[in-house]
Amino acid sequence: MSKSNVIAFTGLKGGTGVSSLAVLFCNEISETHKVLLIDTDIQQSCIIIRERDLKLFPSEKPKYPIA
C-alpha cells in the first residue's frame, strides 16, 4: 500500500494569496505525484482559477482534480 500525504494551506484573513499558493504548489507537484486539491474556501477561488485557466488554455488538460 502506498503512503499518502496531506498538505494544508490555511489562512484566517482573506486576500493573503493562500488559494493562489495552493494552485501553484499543486501545479508543481502534479508533475511527479497524484494530487487532489480540495477547495474549502467559501469563495471557491481555486475553482474560479481553474475555470479561467481552461478558458485561456482550452487545449490543456487539467493535471489534477479540484473538489
Protein backbone atom coordinates (compact mmCIF):
# COMPACT_ATOMS: atom_id res chain seq x y z
CA MET A 1 0.00 0.00 0.00
CA SER A 2 1.36 3.42 -0.90
CA LYS A 3 1.79 6.22 1.58
CA SER A 4 -0.36 9.35 1.25
CA ASN A 5 0.48 12.82 2.48
CA VAL A 6 -1.86 15.67 3.32
CA ILE A 7 -0.64 19.24 2.90
CA ALA A 8 -2.94 22.05 4.02
CA PHE A 9 -2.76 25.73 3.18
CA THR A 10 -4.83 27.79 5.60
CA GLY A 11 -5.33 31.42 6.44
CA LEU A 12 -7.61 33.33 8.77
CA LYS A 13 -7.58 36.54 6.76
CA GLY A 14 -8.73 36.90 3.17
CA GLY A 15 -6.53 38.29 0.42
CA THR A 16 -3.31 36.66 1.58
CA GLY A 17 -2.79 34.51 -1.53
CA VAL A 18 -3.49 31.11 0.04
CA SER A 19 -5.60 29.89 -2.91
CA SER A 20 -3.01 31.07 -5.43
CA LEU A 21 -0.25 29.39 -3.45
CA ALA A 22 -2.23 26.13 -3.26
CA VAL A 23 -2.86 26.10 -7.03
CA LEU A 24 0.77 26.89 -7.85
CA PHE A 25 2.01 24.23 -5.42
CA CYS A 26 -0.34 21.61 -6.88
CA ASN A 27 0.71 22.54 -10.41
CA GLU A 28 4.32 21.91 -9.47
CA ILE A 29 3.96 18.65 -7.55
CA SER A 30 1.45 17.17 -10.02
CA GLU A 31 4.41 16.54 -12.34
CA THR A 32 5.62 13.73 -10.05
CA HIS A 33 2.72 12.95 -7.66
CA LYS A 34 -1.00 12.28 -7.73
CA VAL A 35 -2.82 15.39 -6.48
CA LEU A 36 -6.33 16.23 -5.31
CA LEU A 37 -6.94 19.87 -4.44
CA ILE A 38 -9.90 20.37 -2.08
CA ASP A 39 -11.10 23.97 -2.03
CA THR A 40 -12.99 24.61 1.22
CA ASP A 41 -12.97 28.40 0.82
CA ILE A 42 -16.49 29.82 0.63
CA GLN A 43 -15.37 31.96 -2.33
CA GLN A 44 -14.10 28.85 -4.19
CA SER A 45 -11.10 30.74 -5.54
CA CYS A 46 -9.27 27.60 -6.70
CA ILE A 47 -12.25 26.52 -8.79
CA ILE A 48 -12.53 30.01 -10.29
CA ILE A 49 -8.81 29.98 -11.13
CA ARG A 50 -9.23 26.56 -12.84
CA GLU A 51 -12.22 27.76 -14.88
CA ARG A 52 -10.28 30.84 -16.01
CA ASP A 53 -7.27 28.74 -17.00
CA LEU A 54 -9.45 26.34 -19.02
CA LYS A 55 -10.85 29.30 -20.97
CA LEU A 56 -7.39 30.78 -21.57
CA PHE A 57 -5.77 27.45 -22.49
CA PRO A 58 -8.53 25.21 -23.92
CA SER A 59 -6.08 22.66 -25.35
CA GLU A 60 -4.51 22.00 -21.92
CA LYS A 61 -5.93 19.10 -19.94
CA PRO A 62 -6.05 19.61 -16.14
CA LYS A 63 -3.34 17.63 -14.37
CA TYR A 64 -5.35 17.11 -11.18
CA PRO A 65 -8.96 17.36 -9.96
CA ILE A 66 -10.31 20.13 -7.76
CA ALA A 67 -13.11 19.29 -5.37
